[in-house]
Amino acid sequence: MLKEKSISKKNGIKAEDSAVIAQAASRFKSDIYIIKGNKKVNAKSLMGLLSLNMKFGESVYISAEGPDEKEACEKLIDLL
């Protein structure tokens, strides 16, 4: 499953937001990735998320594969 999301937080995704996203992603069994440009990182990795440097208005893709992929995508879309 692949979903597109535009970053809606005015200050972009900072360290605290990335930690919340990584914790939420870790609760799912599915493999979850966030893709920005040509970079793809594991959504369960705090350092990976920070390396994306997601800013307000930028588009990212959430990719999930596994038994709970739909719920995982919905949760991460809410957090971004």
PDB file of N, CA and C in Angstrom:
ATOM      1  N   MET A   1       0.846  -1.174   0.000  1.00  0.00           N
ATOM      2  CA  MET A   1       0.000   0.000   0.000  1.00  0.00           C
ATOM      3  C   MET A   1       0.891   1.238   0.000  1.00  0.00           C
ATOM      4  N   LEU A   2       0.557   2.199  -0.831  1.00  0.00           N
ATOM      5  CA  LEU A   2       1.348   3.425  -0.949  1.00  0.00           C
ATOM      6  C   LEU A   2       0.403   4.623  -0.881  1.00  0.00           C
ATOM      7  N   LYS A   3       0.697   5.551   0.025  1.00  0.00           N
ATOM      8  CA  LYS A   3      -0.132   6.745   0.187  1.00  0.00           C
ATOM      9  C   LYS A   3       0.754   7.979   0.162  1.00  0.00           C
ATOM     10  N   GLU A   4       0.227   9.052  -0.445  1.00  0.00           N
ATOM     11  CA  GLU A   4       0.959  10.324  -0.471  1.00  0.00           C
ATOM     12  C   GLU A   4       0.407  11.230   0.609  1.00  0.00           C
ATOM     13  N   LYS A   5       1.298  12.017   1.232  1.00  0.00           N
ATOM     14  CA  LYS A   5       0.881  12.947   2.283  1.00  0.00           C
ATOM     15  C   LYS A   5       1.742  14.199   2.204  1.00  0.00           C
ATOM     16  N   SER A   6       1.119  15.339   2.323  1.00  0.00           N
ATOM     17  CA  SER A   6       1.842  16.603   2.380  1.00  0.00           C
ATOM     18  C   SER A   6       2.044  16.950   3.862  1.00  0.00           C
ATOM     19  N   ILE A   7       3.246  17.368   4.235  1.00  0.00           N
ATOM     20  CA  ILE A   7       3.543  17.675   5.632  1.00  0.00           C
ATOM     21  C   ILE A   7       2.715  18.888   6.060  1.00  0.00           C
ATOM     22  N   SER A   8       1.905  18.716   7.107  1.00  0.00           N
ATOM     23  CA  SER A   8       0.977  19.765   7.515  1.00  0.00           C
ATOM     24  C   SER A   8       1.421  20.536   8.757  1.00  0.00           C
ATOM     25  N   LYS A   9       2.465  20.090   9.420  1.00  0.00           N
ATOM     26  CA  LYS A   9       2.948  20.816  10.602  1.00  0.00           C
ATOM     27  C   LYS A   9       3.751  22.033  10.150  1.00  0.00           C
ATOM     28  N   LYS A  10       3.421  23.195  10.694  1.00  0.00           N
ATOM     29  CA  LYS A  10       4.033  24.462  10.274  1.00  0.00           C
ATOM     30  C   LYS A  10       5.554  24.454  10.383  1.00  0.00           C
ATOM     31  N   ASN A  11       6.094  23.813  11.409  1.00  0.00           N
ATOM     32  CA  ASN A  11       7.551  23.791  11.608  1.00  0.00           C
ATOM     33  C   ASN A  11       8.196  22.551  11.005  1.00  0.00           C
ATOM     34  N   GLY A  12       7.423  21.769  10.258  1.00  0.00           N
ATOM     35  CA  GLY A  12       7.959  20.533   9.699  1.00  0.00           C
ATOM     36  C   GLY A  12       7.993  19.444  10.762  1.00  0.00           C
ATOM     37  N   ILE A  13       8.639  18.338  10.420  1.00  0.00           N
ATOM     38  CA  ILE A  13       8.729  17.210  11.343  1.00  0.00           C
ATOM     39  C   ILE A  13      10.074  17.291  12.063  1.00  0.00           C
ATOM     40  N   LYS A  14      10.022  17.593  13.340  1.00  0.00           N
ATOM     41  CA  LYS A  14      11.229  17.738  14.163  1.00  0.00           C
ATOM     42  C   LYS A  14      11.502  16.443  14.927  1.00  0.00           C
ATOM     43  N   ALA A  15      12.500  16.474  15.810  1.00  0.00           N
ATOM     44  CA  ALA A  15      12.933  15.280  16.553  1.00  0.00           C
ATOM     45  C   ALA A  15      11.804  14.681  17.391  1.00  0.00           C
ATOM     46  N   GLU A  16      11.068  15.513  18.097  1.00  0.00           N
ATOM     47  CA  GLU A  16       9.989  15.014  18.954  1.00  0.00           C
ATOM     48  C   GLU A  16       8.908  14.329  18.108  1.00  0.00           C
ATOM     49  N   ASP A  17       8.550  14.953  16.991  1.00  0.00           N
ATOM     50  CA  ASP A  17       7.552  14.366  16.091  1.00  0.00           C
ATOM     51  C   ASP A  17       8.073  13.043  15.522  1.00  0.00           C
ATOM     52  N   SER A  18       9.335  13.012  15.146  1.00  0.00           N
ATOM     53  CA  SER A  18       9.934  11.801  14.585  1.00  0.00           C
ATOM     54  C   SER A  18       9.907  10.666  15.591  1.00  0.00           C
ATOM     55  N   ALA A  19      10.144  10.976  16.859  1.00  0.00           N
ATOM     56  CA  ALA A  19      10.112   9.950  17.909  1.00  0.00           C
ATOM     57  C   ALA A  19       8.707   9.371  18.046  1.00  0.00           C
ATOM     58  N   VAL A  20       7.705  10.229  17.990  1.00  0.00           N
ATOM     59  CA  VAL A  20       6.308   9.773  18.083  1.00  0.00           C
ATOM     60  C   VAL A  20       5.963   8.882  16.887  1.00  0.00           C
ATOM     61  N   ILE A  21       6.394   9.276  15.698  1.00  0.00           N
ATOM     62  CA  ILE A  21       6.134   8.496  14.479  1.00  0.00           C
ATOM     63  C   ILE A  21       6.813   7.132  14.562  1.00  0.00           C
ATOM     64  N   ALA A  22       8.077   7.108  14.983  1.00  0.00           N
ATOM     65  CA  ALA A  22       8.821   5.854  15.083  1.00  0.00           C
ATOM     66  C   ALA A  22       8.175   4.913  16.097  1.00  0.00           C
ATOM     67  N   GLN A  23       7.734   5.457  17.240  1.00  0.00           N
ATOM     68  CA  GLN A  23       7.075   4.632  18.254  1.00  0.00           C
ATOM     69  C   GLN A  23       5.767   4.065  17.730  1.00  0.00           C
ATOM     70  N   ALA A  24       4.999   4.896  17.047  1.00  0.00           N
ATOM     71  CA  ALA A  24       3.717   4.441  16.493  1.00  0.00           C
ATOM     72  C   ALA A  24       3.944   3.362  15.445  1.00  0.00           C
ATOM     73  N   ALA A  25       4.918   3.565  14.569  1.00  0.00           N
ATOM     74  CA  ALA A  25       5.216   2.592  13.510  1.00  0.00           C
ATOM     75  C   ALA A  25       5.675   1.260  14.102  1.00  0.00           C
ATOM     76  N   SER A  26       6.395   1.315  15.212  1.00  0.00           N
ATOM     77  CA  SER A  26       6.920   0.099  15.842  1.00  0.00           C
ATOM     78  C   SER A  26       5.817  -0.797  16.402  1.00  0.00           C
ATOM     79  N   ARG A  27       4.641  -0.248  16.601  1.00  0.00           N
ATOM     80  CA  ARG A  27       3.527  -1.040  17.132  1.00  0.00           C
ATOM     81  C   ARG A  27       2.890  -1.949  16.078  1.00  0.00           C
ATOM     82  N   PHE A  28       3.228  -1.715  14.812  1.00  0.00           N
ATOM     83  CA  PHE A  28       2.643  -2.498  13.722  1.00  0.00           C
ATOM     84  C   PHE A  28       3.593  -3.606  13.276  1.00  0.00           C
ATOM     85  N   LYS A  29       3.010  -4.703  12.793  1.00  0.00           N
ATOM     86  CA  LYS A  29       3.803  -5.827  12.292  1.00  0.00           C
ATOM     87  C   LYS A  29       4.308  -5.568  10.879  1.00  0.00           C
ATOM     88  N   SER A  30       3.608  -4.731  10.143  1.00  0.00           N
ATOM     89  CA  SER A  30       3.951  -4.451   8.747  1.00  0.00           C
ATOM     90  C   SER A  30       5.302  -3.749   8.625  1.00  0.00           C
ATOM     91  N   ASP A  31       5.934  -3.907   7.457  1.00  0.00           N
ATOM     92  CA  ASP A  31       7.125  -3.133   7.116  1.00  0.00           C
ATOM     93  C   ASP A  31       6.629  -1.778   6.628  1.00  0.00           C
ATOM     94  N   ILE A  32       7.103  -0.704   7.245  1.00  0.00           N
ATOM     95  CA  ILE A  32       6.615   0.632   6.925  1.00  0.00           C
ATOM     96  C   ILE A  32       7.801   1.521   6.562  1.00  0.00           C
ATOM     97  N   TYR A  33       7.678   2.214   5.429  1.00  0.00           N
ATOM     98  CA  TYR A  33       8.738   3.101   4.966  1.00  0.00           C
ATOM     99  C   TYR A  33       8.153   4.461   4.638  1.00  0.00           C
ATOM    100  N   ILE A  34       8.964   5.482   4.803  1.00  0.00           N
ATOM    101  CA  ILE A  34       8.594   6.828   4.352  1.00  0.00           C
ATOM    102  C   ILE A  34       9.583   7.201   3.260  1.00  0.00           C
ATOM    103  N   ILE A  35       9.037   7.687   2.151  1.00  0.00           N
ATOM    104  CA  ILE A  35       9.842   8.005   0.976  1.00  0.00           C
ATOM    105  C   ILE A  35       9.723   9.497   0.686  1.00  0.00           C
ATOM    106  N   LYS A  36      10.883  10.149   0.561  1.00  0.00           N
ATOM    107  CA  LYS A  36      10.921  11.570   0.189  1.00  0.00           C
ATOM    108  C   LYS A  36      11.970  11.699  -0.902  1.00  0.00           C
ATOM    109  N   GLY A  37      11.538  12.115  -2.069  1.00  0.00           N
ATOM    110  CA  GLY A  37      12.460  12.197  -3.207  1.00  0.00           C
ATOM    111  C   GLY A  37      12.954  10.798  -3.551  1.00  0.00           C
ATOM    112  N   ASN A  38      14.272  10.635  -3.585  1.00  0.00           N
ATOM    113  CA  ASN A  38      14.813   9.312  -3.903  1.00  0.00           C
ATOM    114  C   ASN A  38      15.323   8.598  -2.651  1.00  0.00           C
ATOM    115  N   LYS A  39      14.915   9.074  -1.471  1.00  0.00           N
ATOM    116  CA  LYS A  39      15.361   8.485  -0.210  1.00  0.00           C
ATOM    117  C   LYS A  39      14.210   7.729   0.456  1.00  0.00           C
ATOM    118  N   LYS A  40      14.475   6.491   0.853  1.00  0.00           N
ATOM    119  CA  LYS A  40      13.474   5.634   1.487  1.00  0.00           C
ATOM    120  C   LYS A  40      14.018   5.171   2.827  1.00  0.00           C
ATOM    121  N   VAL A  41      13.292   5.481   3.914  1.00  0.00           N
ATOM    122  CA  VAL A  41      13.762   5.091   5.245  1.00  0.00           C
ATOM    123  C   VAL A  41      12.691   4.283   5.982  1.00  0.00           C
ATOM    124  N   ASN A  42      13.153   3.458   6.890  1.00  0.00           N
ATOM    125  CA  ASN A  42      12.266   2.669   7.735  1.00  0.00           C
ATOM    126  C   ASN A  42      11.577   3.623   8.713  1.00  0.00           C
ATOM    127  N   ALA A  43      10.250   3.604   8.741  1.00  0.00           N
ATOM    128  CA  ALA A  43       9.493   4.503   9.613  1.00  0.00           C
ATOM    129  C   ALA A  43       9.682   4.161  11.090  1.00  0.00           C
ATOM    130  N   LYS A  44      10.241   2.992  11.380  1.00  0.00           N
ATOM    131  CA  LYS A  44      10.488   2.584  12.764  1.00  0.00           C
ATOM    132  C   LYS A  44      11.851   3.076  13.259  1.00  0.00           C
ATOM    133  N   SER A  45      12.598   3.757  12.394  1.00  0.00           N
ATOM    134  CA  SER A  45      13.940   4.242  12.719  1.00  0.00           C
ATOM    135  C   SER A  45      13.930   5.749  12.953  1.00  0.00           C
ATOM    136  N   LEU A  46      14.204   6.143  14.183  1.00  0.00           N
ATOM    137  CA  LEU A  46      14.230   7.566  14.517  1.00  0.00           C
ATOM    138  C   LEU A  46      15.288   8.304  13.696  1.00  0.00           C
ATOM    139  N   MET A  47      16.472   7.744  13.602  1.00  0.00           N
ATOM    140  CA  MET A  47      17.541   8.400  12.840  1.00  0.00           C
ATOM    141  C   MET A  47      17.193   8.499  11.352  1.00  0.00           C
ATOM    142  N   GLY A  48      16.553   7.464  10.834  1.00  0.00           N
ATOM    143  CA  GLY A  48      16.126   7.499   9.447  1.00  0.00           C
ATOM    144  C   GLY A  48      15.133   8.625   9.189  1.00  0.00           C
ATOM    145  N   LEU A  49      14.166   8.756  10.096  1.00  0.00           N
ATOM    146  CA  LEU A  49      13.159   9.809   9.952  1.00  0.00           C
ATOM    147  C   LEU A  49      13.801  11.193  10.020  1.00  0.00           C
ATOM    148  N   LEU A  50      14.714  11.370  10.955  1.00  0.00           N
ATOM    149  CA  LEU A  50      15.395  12.668  11.081  1.00  0.00           C
ATOM    150  C   LEU A  50      16.183  13.008   9.818  1.00  0.00           C
ATOM    151  N   SER A  51      16.748  11.993   9.173  1.00  0.00           N
ATOM    152  CA  SER A  51      17.566  12.235   7.982  1.00  0.00           C
ATOM    153  C   SER A  51      16.742  12.740   6.794  1.00  0.00           C
ATOM    154  N   LEU A  52      15.424  12.540   6.832  1.00  0.00           N
ATOM    155  CA  LEU A  52      14.580  13.020   5.730  1.00  0.00           C
ATOM    156  C   LEU A  52      14.393  14.536   5.760  1.00  0.00           C
ATOM    157  N   ASN A  53      14.552  15.149   6.940  1.00  0.00           N
ATOM    158  CA  ASN A  53      14.418  16.601   7.064  1.00  0.00           C
ATOM    159  C   ASN A  53      13.115  17.084   6.410  1.00  0.00           C
ATOM    160  N   MET A  54      11.994  16.561   6.896  1.00  0.00           N
ATOM    161  CA  MET A  54      10.683  16.858   6.298  1.00  0.00           C
ATOM    162  C   MET A  54      10.214  18.249   6.709  1.00  0.00           C
ATOM    163  N   LYS A  55       9.914  19.076   5.711  1.00  0.00           N
ATOM    164  CA  LYS A  55       9.496  20.458   5.937  1.00  0.00           C
ATOM    165  C   LYS A  55       8.022  20.651   5.556  1.00  0.00           C
ATOM    166  N   PHE A  56       7.437  21.707   6.110  1.00  0.00           N
ATOM    167  CA  PHE A  56       6.041  22.045   5.840  1.00  0.00           C
ATOM    168  C   PHE A  56       5.788  22.139   4.337  1.00  0.00           C
ATOM    169  N   GLY A  57       4.716  21.486   3.883  1.00  0.00           N
ATOM    170  CA  GLY A  57       4.307  21.563   2.485  1.00  0.00           C
ATOM    171  C   GLY A  57       4.946  20.538   1.571  1.00  0.00           C
ATOM    172  N   GLU A  58       6.016  19.870   2.007  1.00  0.00           N
ATOM    173  CA  GLU A  58       6.661  18.859   1.168  1.00  0.00           C
ATOM    174  C   GLU A  58       5.803  17.594   1.122  1.00  0.00           C
ATOM    175  N   SER A  59       5.875  16.898   0.002  1.00  0.00           N
ATOM    176  CA  SER A  59       5.144  15.642  -0.141  1.00  0.00           C
ATOM    177  C   SER A  59       6.050  14.469   0.173  1.00  0.00           C
ATOM    178  N   VAL A  60       5.496  13.513   0.914  1.00  0.00           N
ATOM    179  CA  VAL A  60       6.193  12.262   1.205  1.00  0.00           C
ATOM    180  C   VAL A  60       5.229  11.123   0.897  1.00  0.00           C
ATOM    181  N   TYR A  61       5.777   9.942   0.739  1.00  0.00           N
ATOM    182  CA  TYR A  61       4.960   8.752   0.524  1.00  0.00           C
ATOM    183  C   TYR A  61       5.150   7.800   1.685  1.00  0.00           C
ATOM    184  N   ILE A  62       4.063   7.174   2.094  1.00  0.00           N
ATOM    185  CA  ILE A  62       4.111   6.153   3.128  1.00  0.00           C
ATOM    186  C   ILE A  62       3.842   4.825   2.451  1.00  0.00           C
ATOM    187  N   SER A  63       4.777   3.906   2.612  1.00  0.00           N
ATOM    188  CA  SER A  63       4.669   2.582   2.018  1.00  0.00           C
ATOM    189  C   SER A  63       4.576   1.557   3.137  1.00  0.00           C
ATOM    190  N   ALA A  64       3.573   0.689   3.082  1.00  0.00           N
ATOM    191  CA  ALA A  64       3.425  -0.342   4.112  1.00  0.00           C
ATOM    192  C   ALA A  64       3.044  -1.660   3.456  1.00  0.00           C
ATOM    193  N   GLU A  65       3.672  -2.729   3.933  1.00  0.00           N
ATOM    194  CA  GLU A  65       3.357  -4.076   3.460  1.00  0.00           C
ATOM    195  C   GLU A  65       3.292  -5.004   4.649  1.00  0.00           C
ATOM    196  N   GLY A  66       2.178  -5.704   4.775  1.00  0.00           N
ATOM    197  CA  GLY A  66       2.038  -6.647   5.870  1.00  0.00           C
ATOM    198  C   GLY A  66       0.595  -6.786   6.303  1.00  0.00           C
ATOM    199  N   PRO A  67       0.382  -7.513   7.386  1.00  0.00           N
ATOM    200  CA  PRO A  67      -0.982  -7.836   7.816  1.00  0.00           C
ATOM    201  C   PRO A  67      -1.806  -6.641   8.290  1.00  0.00           C
ATOM    202  N   ASP A  68      -1.160  -5.582   8.760  1.00  0.00           N
ATOM    203  CA  ASP A  68      -1.894  -4.413   9.263  1.00  0.00           C
ATOM    204  C   ASP A  68      -1.503  -3.136   8.515  1.00  0.00           C
ATOM    205  N   GLU A  69      -1.224  -3.290   7.209  1.00  0.00           N
ATOM    206  CA  GLU A  69      -0.723  -2.156   6.416  1.00  0.00           C
ATOM    207  C   GLU A  69      -1.701  -0.993   6.330  1.00  0.00           C
ATOM    208  N   LYS A  70      -2.994  -1.289   6.233  1.00  0.00           N
ATOM    209  CA  LYS A  70      -3.987  -0.214   6.113  1.00  0.00           C
ATOM    210  C   LYS A  70      -4.002   0.652   7.377  1.00  0.00           C
ATOM    211  N   GLU A  71      -4.042   0.005   8.524  1.00  0.00           N
ATOM    212  CA  GLU A  71      -4.057   0.740   9.796  1.00  0.00           C
ATOM    213  C   GLU A  71      -2.758   1.524   9.981  1.00  0.00           C
ATOM    214  N   ALA A  72      -1.639   0.922   9.589  1.00  0.00           N
ATOM    215  CA  ALA A  72      -0.338   1.586   9.719  1.00  0.00           C
ATOM    216  C   ALA A  72      -0.296   2.857   8.880  1.00  0.00           C
ATOM    217  N   CYS A  73      -0.755   2.778   7.638  1.00  0.00           N
ATOM    218  CA  CYS A  73      -0.763   3.955   6.753  1.00  0.00           C
ATOM    219  C   CYS A  73      -1.649   5.051   7.327  1.00  0.00           C
ATOM    220  N   GLU A  74      -2.825   4.682   7.797  1.00  0.00           N
ATOM    221  CA  GLU A  74      -3.754   5.681   8.349  1.00  0.00           C
ATOM    222  C   GLU A  74      -3.164   6.382   9.567  1.00  0.00           C
ATOM    223  N   LYS A  75      -2.530   5.605  10.443  1.00  0.00           N
ATOM    224  CA  LYS A  75      -1.941   6.183  11.662  1.00  0.00           C
ATOM    225  C   LYS A  75      -0.820   7.157  11.324  1.00  0.00           C
ATOM    226  N   LEU A  76       0.067   6.774  10.402  1.00  0.00           N
ATOM    227  CA  LEU A  76       1.184   7.648  10.054  1.00  0.00           C
ATOM    228  C   LEU A  76       0.717   8.891   9.301  1.00  0.00           C
ATOM    229  N   ILE A  77      -0.304   8.761   8.488  1.00  0.00           N
ATOM    230  CA  ILE A  77      -0.858   9.929   7.803  1.00  0.00           C
ATOM    231  C   ILE A  77      -1.375  10.934   8.834  1.00  0.00           C
ATOM    232  N   ASP A  78      -2.029  10.429   9.881  1.00  0.00           N
ATOM    233  CA  ASP A  78      -2.525  11.317  10.942  1.00  0.00           C
ATOM    234  C   ASP A  78      -1.372  12.042  11.656  1.00  0.00           C
ATOM    235  N   LEU A  79      -0.256  11.363  11.835  1.00  0.00           N
ATOM    236  CA  LEU A  79       0.872  11.947  12.561  1.00  0.00           C
ATOM    237  C   LEU A  79       1.680  12.939  11.722  1.00  0.00           C
ATOM    238  N   LEU A  80       1.597  12.827  10.400  1.00  0.00           N
ATOM    239  CA  LEU A  80       2.334  13.751   9.552  1.00  0.00           C
ATOM    240  C   LEU A  80       1.511  14.980   9.263  1.00  0.00           C
TER     241      LEU A  80
END
